[in-house]
Amino acid sequence: MTNPYGRGHQLLRERVLAQEQWCPGYPVGIHDGAPVRTTQLDHKIPLARGGHTTRENVGGLCAGCNGRKALDDRVRTWRNR
């Protein structure tokens, strides 16, 4: 198995964060209009659920929003067992 966080991931992360410089918020609107920089690459469909590191499946979020989204994904997965 290849490393999902290898050089290709790093290059895509740099490109996405340059294109999406401001976090949209998770949930949307959580920043109340205050600009917060994106710092992390978010997988819309997580790797653990079969998602891929492709431009179509990633976007930029700030660390707080990415953490909230990851927690929501884990809770949703646990509830749907």
N, C-alpha and C. Protein backbone atom coordinates (compact mmCIF):
# COMPACT_ATOMS: atom_id res chain seq x y z
N MET A 1 0.83 -1.18 0.00
CA MET A 1 0.00 0.00 0.00
C MET A 1 0.89 1.25 0.00
N THR A 2 0.50 2.25 -0.79
CA THR A 2 1.28 3.47 -0.85
C THR A 2 0.90 4.40 0.30
N ASN A 3 1.78 5.29 0.64
CA ASN A 3 1.55 6.26 1.70
C ASN A 3 0.56 7.32 1.22
N PRO A 4 -0.64 7.41 1.82
CA PRO A 4 -1.61 8.40 1.35
C PRO A 4 -1.18 9.83 1.65
N TYR A 5 -0.20 10.00 2.52
CA TYR A 5 0.27 11.35 2.86
C TYR A 5 1.67 11.61 2.33
N GLY A 6 2.00 11.03 1.19
CA GLY A 6 3.32 11.20 0.58
C GLY A 6 3.46 12.52 -0.15
N ARG A 7 4.41 12.58 -1.06
CA ARG A 7 4.74 13.81 -1.79
C ARG A 7 3.56 14.33 -2.60
N GLY A 8 2.78 13.44 -3.21
CA GLY A 8 1.62 13.88 -3.99
C GLY A 8 0.61 14.61 -3.12
N HIS A 9 0.41 14.11 -1.91
CA HIS A 9 -0.50 14.74 -0.94
C HIS A 9 0.02 16.13 -0.58
N GLN A 10 1.32 16.24 -0.34
CA GLN A 10 1.91 17.52 0.03
C GLN A 10 1.74 18.55 -1.08
N LEU A 11 1.96 18.14 -2.33
CA LEU A 11 1.83 19.05 -3.45
C LEU A 11 0.37 19.50 -3.63
N LEU A 12 -0.55 18.56 -3.49
CA LEU A 12 -1.97 18.91 -3.61
C LEU A 12 -2.38 19.84 -2.48
N ARG A 13 -1.91 19.58 -1.27
CA ARG A 13 -2.21 20.44 -0.12
C ARG A 13 -1.75 21.87 -0.38
N GLU A 14 -0.53 22.03 -0.87
CA GLU A 14 0.00 23.36 -1.16
C GLU A 14 -0.87 24.07 -2.20
N ARG A 15 -1.28 23.34 -3.24
CA ARG A 15 -2.10 23.93 -4.30
C ARG A 15 -3.48 24.34 -3.78
N VAL A 16 -4.11 23.46 -3.02
CA VAL A 16 -5.45 23.75 -2.50
C VAL A 16 -5.41 24.92 -1.53
N LEU A 17 -4.45 24.94 -0.63
CA LEU A 17 -4.39 26.03 0.35
C LEU A 17 -4.06 27.37 -0.31
N ALA A 18 -3.36 27.34 -1.43
CA ALA A 18 -3.12 28.58 -2.18
C ALA A 18 -4.39 29.05 -2.88
N GLN A 19 -5.22 28.11 -3.34
CA GLN A 19 -6.47 28.47 -4.03
C GLN A 19 -7.58 28.82 -3.05
N GLU A 20 -7.65 28.13 -1.94
CA GLU A 20 -8.71 28.34 -0.94
C GLU A 20 -8.08 28.88 0.34
N GLN A 21 -7.81 30.17 0.35
CA GLN A 21 -7.05 30.75 1.45
C GLN A 21 -7.88 30.99 2.71
N TRP A 22 -9.20 31.04 2.57
CA TRP A 22 -10.06 31.36 3.72
C TRP A 22 -11.01 30.21 4.01
N CYS A 23 -11.08 29.84 5.27
CA CYS A 23 -11.92 28.72 5.69
C CYS A 23 -13.40 29.09 5.54
N PRO A 24 -14.19 28.21 4.91
CA PRO A 24 -15.62 28.48 4.78
C PRO A 24 -16.38 28.21 6.08
N GLY A 25 -15.73 27.53 7.00
CA GLY A 25 -16.35 27.19 8.28
C GLY A 25 -17.01 25.83 8.24
N TYR A 26 -16.97 25.16 9.38
CA TYR A 26 -17.70 23.91 9.54
C TYR A 26 -18.27 23.89 10.95
N PRO A 27 -19.58 23.97 11.09
CA PRO A 27 -20.53 24.15 10.00
C PRO A 27 -20.39 25.53 9.37
N VAL A 28 -20.89 25.66 8.15
CA VAL A 28 -20.76 26.91 7.41
C VAL A 28 -21.30 28.05 8.27
N GLY A 29 -20.54 29.14 8.32
CA GLY A 29 -20.96 30.31 9.07
C GLY A 29 -20.43 30.39 10.48
N ILE A 30 -19.69 29.38 10.92
CA ILE A 30 -19.23 29.35 12.31
C ILE A 30 -18.28 30.50 12.64
N HIS A 31 -17.60 31.05 11.64
CA HIS A 31 -16.65 32.14 11.90
C HIS A 31 -17.33 33.50 11.96
N ASP A 32 -18.65 33.55 11.76
CA ASP A 32 -19.42 34.81 11.82
C ASP A 32 -18.84 35.90 10.94
N GLY A 33 -18.36 35.53 9.77
CA GLY A 33 -17.85 36.51 8.82
C GLY A 33 -16.41 36.94 9.05
N ALA A 34 -15.81 36.50 10.16
CA ALA A 34 -14.41 36.84 10.42
C ALA A 34 -13.52 35.93 9.58
N PRO A 35 -12.59 36.50 8.82
CA PRO A 35 -11.73 35.66 7.98
C PRO A 35 -10.76 34.82 8.81
N VAL A 36 -10.74 33.52 8.53
CA VAL A 36 -9.83 32.60 9.20
C VAL A 36 -9.11 31.83 8.09
N ARG A 37 -7.80 31.82 8.13
CA ARG A 37 -7.01 31.16 7.09
C ARG A 37 -7.17 29.64 7.13
N THR A 38 -7.14 29.05 5.94
CA THR A 38 -7.11 27.59 5.87
C THR A 38 -5.70 27.13 6.19
N THR A 39 -5.61 26.05 6.91
CA THR A 39 -4.31 25.51 7.29
C THR A 39 -4.21 24.01 7.05
N GLN A 40 -5.37 23.37 6.78
CA GLN A 40 -5.37 21.92 6.66
C GLN A 40 -6.17 21.48 5.44
N LEU A 41 -5.75 20.35 4.92
CA LEU A 41 -6.44 19.74 3.79
C LEU A 41 -7.49 18.80 4.33
N ASP A 42 -8.74 18.99 3.93
CA ASP A 42 -9.85 18.18 4.40
C ASP A 42 -10.33 17.25 3.29
N HIS A 43 -10.48 15.98 3.60
CA HIS A 43 -11.05 15.02 2.66
C HIS A 43 -12.56 15.02 2.84
N LYS A 44 -13.30 15.37 1.80
CA LYS A 44 -14.77 15.39 1.88
C LYS A 44 -15.28 14.00 2.22
N ILE A 45 -14.78 12.98 1.53
CA ILE A 45 -15.02 11.58 1.90
C ILE A 45 -13.70 11.11 2.52
N PRO A 46 -13.68 10.83 3.82
CA PRO A 46 -12.43 10.47 4.49
C PRO A 46 -11.76 9.25 3.86
N LEU A 47 -10.44 9.21 3.97
CA LEU A 47 -9.68 8.06 3.47
C LEU A 47 -10.16 6.77 4.11
N ALA A 48 -10.51 6.83 5.39
CA ALA A 48 -10.96 5.64 6.11
C ALA A 48 -12.29 5.09 5.57
N ARG A 49 -13.04 5.93 4.86
CA ARG A 49 -14.31 5.49 4.29
C ARG A 49 -14.23 5.33 2.78
N GLY A 50 -13.01 5.20 2.27
CA GLY A 50 -12.83 4.92 0.84
C GLY A 50 -12.57 6.15 -0.02
N GLY A 51 -12.42 7.32 0.59
CA GLY A 51 -12.12 8.53 -0.17
C GLY A 51 -10.70 8.51 -0.70
N HIS A 52 -10.44 9.38 -1.65
CA HIS A 52 -9.11 9.45 -2.26
C HIS A 52 -8.57 10.86 -2.14
N THR A 53 -7.26 10.98 -2.26
CA THR A 53 -6.62 12.29 -2.23
C THR A 53 -6.58 12.81 -3.66
N THR A 54 -7.71 13.34 -4.09
CA THR A 54 -7.85 13.95 -5.41
C THR A 54 -8.42 15.34 -5.23
N ARG A 55 -8.22 16.19 -6.22
CA ARG A 55 -8.70 17.57 -6.12
C ARG A 55 -10.21 17.62 -5.90
N GLU A 56 -10.94 16.67 -6.49
CA GLU A 56 -12.39 16.66 -6.36
C GLU A 56 -12.84 16.30 -4.94
N ASN A 57 -11.98 15.63 -4.16
CA ASN A 57 -12.37 15.14 -2.84
C ASN A 57 -11.74 15.93 -1.70
N VAL A 58 -11.03 17.01 -1.99
CA VAL A 58 -10.39 17.75 -0.91
C VAL A 58 -10.74 19.23 -0.96
N GLY A 59 -10.59 19.87 0.17
CA GLY A 59 -10.79 21.30 0.29
C GLY A 59 -10.01 21.79 1.49
N GLY A 60 -9.92 23.09 1.64
CA GLY A 60 -9.19 23.66 2.76
C GLY A 60 -10.11 24.02 3.91
N LEU A 61 -9.65 23.75 5.12
CA LEU A 61 -10.33 24.16 6.34
C LEU A 61 -9.28 24.63 7.35
N CYS A 62 -9.72 25.40 8.34
CA CYS A 62 -8.82 25.74 9.44
C CYS A 62 -8.75 24.53 10.38
N ALA A 63 -7.83 24.52 11.31
CA ALA A 63 -7.64 23.37 12.19
C ALA A 63 -8.89 23.10 13.03
N GLY A 64 -9.52 24.14 13.55
CA GLY A 64 -10.71 23.95 14.38
C GLY A 64 -11.86 23.32 13.62
N CYS A 65 -12.12 23.82 12.42
CA CYS A 65 -13.21 23.27 11.60
C CYS A 65 -12.91 21.85 11.16
N ASN A 66 -11.67 21.57 10.81
CA ASN A 66 -11.30 20.22 10.41
C ASN A 66 -11.49 19.24 11.58
N GLY A 67 -11.15 19.68 12.78
CA GLY A 67 -11.35 18.85 13.96
C GLY A 67 -12.83 18.58 14.23
N ARG A 68 -13.67 19.62 14.11
CA ARG A 68 -15.11 19.44 14.31
C ARG A 68 -15.69 18.49 13.28
N LYS A 69 -15.26 18.63 12.02
CA LYS A 69 -15.77 17.76 10.96
C LYS A 69 -15.33 16.31 11.20
N ALA A 70 -14.08 16.11 11.60
CA ALA A 70 -13.59 14.76 11.87
C ALA A 70 -14.36 14.12 13.01
N LEU A 71 -14.65 14.88 14.06
CA LEU A 71 -15.43 14.36 15.18
C LEU A 71 -16.84 14.00 14.74
N ASP A 72 -17.47 14.86 13.96
CA ASP A 72 -18.81 14.57 13.43
C ASP A 72 -18.80 13.31 12.59
N ASP A 73 -17.77 13.13 11.75
CA ASP A 73 -17.67 11.93 10.91
C ASP A 73 -17.54 10.67 11.77
N ARG A 74 -16.73 10.75 12.85
CA ARG A 74 -16.57 9.59 13.73
C ARG A 74 -17.86 9.26 14.45
N VAL A 75 -18.56 10.27 14.95
CA VAL A 75 -19.83 10.04 15.64
C VAL A 75 -20.85 9.45 14.68
N ARG A 76 -20.93 9.99 13.48
CA ARG A 76 -21.88 9.49 12.47
C ARG A 76 -21.56 8.03 12.13
N THR A 77 -20.30 7.69 11.99
CA THR A 77 -19.89 6.33 11.67
C THR A 77 -20.26 5.39 12.83
N TRP A 78 -20.03 5.83 14.06
CA TRP A 78 -20.32 5.01 15.23
C TRP A 78 -21.82 4.75 15.33
N ARG A 79 -22.63 5.77 15.10
CA ARG A 79 -24.08 5.63 15.19
C ARG A 79 -24.66 4.73 14.11
N ASN A 80 -24.01 4.67 12.95
CA ASN A 80 -24.52 3.88 11.82
C ASN A 80 -24.00 2.44 11.81
N ARG A 81 -23.37 2.00 12.89
CA ARG A 81 -22.84 0.63 12.92
C ARG A 81 -23.96 -0.37 12.96
